[in-house]
Amino acid sequence: MIQHCVPILPSALFANRQTDCLVLTDGDEVIRNGHGAPVDNRLASLTIGPRGPLLLQDINLIDEIAHFDRERIPERVVHAKGGGMGWFSTR
């Protein structure tokens, strides 16, 4: 692990902090699939021939498609505080 500290100039936002430290790994980053197994190349997929159709036996491709398809996009909460509380009356 490499620890790298960057000095920050004092300002109103960073009055109490003098340094911002980042902890980095050594650089041997391994891409892993959803189950933790290492993946050689995320962009490659199994095909029939050089320009053929994709195979459904490609576990890494199916894992990527399943992850992309099931991403949750949260809805916008318009009035998070006080929504549905109290009484609303008009005259």
C-alpha atoms as a PDB file:
ATOM      1  CA  MET A   1       0.000   0.000   0.000  1.00  0.00           C
ATOM      2  CA  ILE A   2       1.231   3.449  -0.921  1.00  0.00           C
ATOM      3  CA  GLN A   3       0.181   6.433   1.135  1.00  0.00           C
ATOM      4  CA  HIS A   4       0.242   9.737  -0.702  1.00  0.00           C
ATOM      5  CA  CYS A   5      -0.424  13.017   1.105  1.00  0.00           C
ATOM      6  CA  VAL A   6      -1.365  16.183  -0.753  1.00  0.00           C
ATOM      7  CA  PRO A   7      -1.141  19.543   1.034  1.00  0.00           C
ATOM      8  CA  ILE A   8      -4.278  21.666   0.931  1.00  0.00           C
ATOM      9  CA  LEU A   9      -4.235  25.431   1.273  1.00  0.00           C
ATOM     10  CA  PRO A  10      -6.180  26.725   4.260  1.00  0.00           C
ATOM     11  CA  SER A  11      -9.582  28.079   3.340  1.00  0.00           C
ATOM     12  CA  ALA A  12     -12.985  28.456   4.898  1.00  0.00           C
ATOM     13  CA  LEU A  13     -13.964  24.912   3.913  1.00  0.00           C
ATOM     14  CA  PHE A  14     -10.729  23.232   4.985  1.00  0.00           C
ATOM     15  CA  ALA A  15      -9.839  25.262   8.066  1.00  0.00           C
ATOM     16  CA  ASN A  16      -9.238  22.229  10.291  1.00  0.00           C
ATOM     17  CA  ARG A  17      -7.513  19.955   7.753  1.00  0.00           C
ATOM     18  CA  GLN A  18      -3.912  20.455   6.724  1.00  0.00           C
ATOM     19  CA  THR A  19      -3.429  17.416   4.475  1.00  0.00           C
ATOM     20  CA  ASP A  20      -5.648  15.134   2.479  1.00  0.00           C
ATOM     21  CA  CYS A  21      -4.211  11.607   2.452  1.00  0.00           C
ATOM     22  CA  LEU A  22      -5.037   9.053  -0.203  1.00  0.00           C
ATOM     23  CA  VAL A  23      -4.302   5.361   0.191  1.00  0.00           C
ATOM     24  CA  LEU A  24      -3.493   3.699  -3.135  1.00  0.00           C
ATOM     25  CA  THR A  25      -2.795   0.096  -4.017  1.00  0.00           C
ATOM     26  CA  ASP A  26       0.417  -1.042  -5.707  1.00  0.00           C
ATOM     27  CA  GLY A  27      -0.996  -1.184  -9.237  1.00  0.00           C
ATOM     28  CA  ASP A  28      -1.630  -4.918  -9.647  1.00  0.00           C
ATOM     29  CA  GLU A  29      -5.338  -4.299 -10.108  1.00  0.00           C
ATOM     30  CA  VAL A  30      -7.261  -7.420 -11.064  1.00  0.00           C
ATOM     31  CA  ILE A  31     -10.667  -7.070 -12.695  1.00  0.00           C
ATOM     32  CA  ARG A  32     -13.149  -9.425 -11.056  1.00  0.00           C
ATOM     33  CA  ASN A  33     -16.648 -10.503 -11.977  1.00  0.00           C
ATOM     34  CA  GLY A  34     -19.681 -10.408  -9.691  1.00  0.00           C
ATOM     35  CA  HIS A  35     -18.639 -13.640  -7.947  1.00  0.00           C
ATOM     36  CA  GLY A  36     -15.037 -12.556  -7.300  1.00  0.00           C
ATOM     37  CA  ALA A  37     -13.321 -14.643  -9.979  1.00  0.00           C
ATOM     38  CA  PRO A  38     -10.602 -12.838 -11.973  1.00  0.00           C
ATOM     39  CA  VAL A  39     -11.436 -11.756 -15.541  1.00  0.00           C
ATOM     40  CA  ASP A  40      -8.728 -11.530 -18.204  1.00  0.00           C
ATOM     41  CA  ASN A  41     -10.388  -8.981 -20.473  1.00  0.00           C
ATOM     42  CA  ARG A  42     -13.708  -7.303 -19.768  1.00  0.00           C
ATOM     43  CA  LEU A  43     -14.182  -6.118 -23.343  1.00  0.00           C
ATOM     44  CA  ALA A  44     -13.695  -9.509 -25.048  1.00  0.00           C
ATOM     45  CA  SER A  45     -16.524 -11.991 -25.540  1.00  0.00           C
ATOM     46  CA  LEU A  46     -16.818 -15.471 -27.012  1.00  0.00           C
ATOM     47  CA  THR A  47     -18.035 -15.605 -30.612  1.00  0.00           C
ATOM     48  CA  ILE A  48     -18.429 -18.186 -33.345  1.00  0.00           C
ATOM     49  CA  GLY A  49     -15.606 -17.220 -35.682  1.00  0.00           C
ATOM     50  CA  PRO A  50     -14.003 -13.790 -35.994  1.00  0.00           C
ATOM     51  CA  ARG A  51     -17.252 -11.954 -36.900  1.00  0.00           C
ATOM     52  CA  GLY A  52     -19.852 -14.455 -35.739  1.00  0.00           C
ATOM     53  CA  PRO A  53     -22.655 -14.165 -33.197  1.00  0.00           C
ATOM     54  CA  LEU A  54     -22.034 -14.077 -29.450  1.00  0.00           C
ATOM     55  CA  LEU A  55     -22.211 -17.278 -27.431  1.00  0.00           C
ATOM     56  CA  LEU A  56     -24.475 -17.583 -24.423  1.00  0.00           C
ATOM     57  CA  GLN A  57     -21.801 -19.780 -22.820  1.00  0.00           C
ATOM     58  CA  ASP A  58     -19.721 -16.660 -22.101  1.00  0.00           C
ATOM     59  CA  ILE A  59     -20.202 -16.323 -18.338  1.00  0.00           C
ATOM     60  CA  ASN A  60     -18.469 -12.941 -18.123  1.00  0.00           C
ATOM     61  CA  LEU A  61     -20.690 -11.435 -20.836  1.00  0.00           C
ATOM     62  CA  ILE A  62     -23.868 -12.755 -19.199  1.00  0.00           C
ATOM     63  CA  ASP A  63     -22.686 -11.385 -15.827  1.00  0.00           C
ATOM     64  CA  GLU A  64     -22.047  -7.929 -17.336  1.00  0.00           C
ATOM     65  CA  ILE A  65     -25.397  -7.879 -19.139  1.00  0.00           C
ATOM     66  CA  ALA A  66     -27.239  -9.011 -16.008  1.00  0.00           C
ATOM     67  CA  HIS A  67     -25.523  -6.356 -13.896  1.00  0.00           C
ATOM     68  CA  PHE A  68     -26.273  -3.623 -16.436  1.00  0.00           C
ATOM     69  CA  ASP A  69     -29.874  -4.730 -16.870  1.00  0.00           C
ATOM     70  CA  ARG A  70     -30.585  -4.770 -13.132  1.00  0.00           C
ATOM     71  CA  GLU A  71     -29.087  -1.412 -12.201  1.00  0.00           C
ATOM     72  CA  ARG A  72     -31.500   0.584 -10.125  1.00  0.00           C
ATOM     73  CA  ILE A  73     -32.034   4.188 -11.108  1.00  0.00           C
ATOM     74  CA  PRO A  74     -33.553   5.892  -8.075  1.00  0.00           C
ATOM     75  CA  GLU A  75     -36.564   8.112  -8.551  1.00  0.00           C
ATOM     76  CA  ARG A  76     -36.334  11.773  -7.751  1.00  0.00           C
ATOM     77  CA  VAL A  77     -37.701  12.630  -4.321  1.00  0.00           C
ATOM     78  CA  VAL A  78     -39.280  16.042  -4.760  1.00  0.00           C
ATOM     79  CA  HIS A  79     -40.189  16.867  -1.176  1.00  0.00           C
ATOM     80  CA  ALA A  80     -38.239  14.542   1.084  1.00  0.00           C
ATOM     81  CA  LYS A  81     -39.029  16.370   4.325  1.00  0.00           C
ATOM     82  CA  GLY A  82     -42.609  16.625   5.438  1.00  0.00           C
ATOM     83  CA  GLY A  83     -44.177  14.754   2.573  1.00  0.00           C
ATOM     84  CA  GLY A  84     -47.619  13.579   3.690  1.00  0.00           C
ATOM     85  CA  MET A  85     -47.384  15.089   7.175  1.00  0.00           C
ATOM     86  CA  GLY A  86     -49.977  17.354   8.773  1.00  0.00           C
ATOM     87  CA  TRP A  87     -53.157  18.756   7.316  1.00  0.00           C
ATOM     88  CA  PHE A  88     -53.699  20.700   4.125  1.00  0.00           C
ATOM     89  CA  SER A  89     -56.829  22.795   3.856  1.00  0.00           C
ATOM     90  CA  THR A  90     -58.034  25.354   1.348  1.00  0.00           C
ATOM     91  CA  ARG A  91     -60.773  27.944   1.723  1.00  0.00           C
END
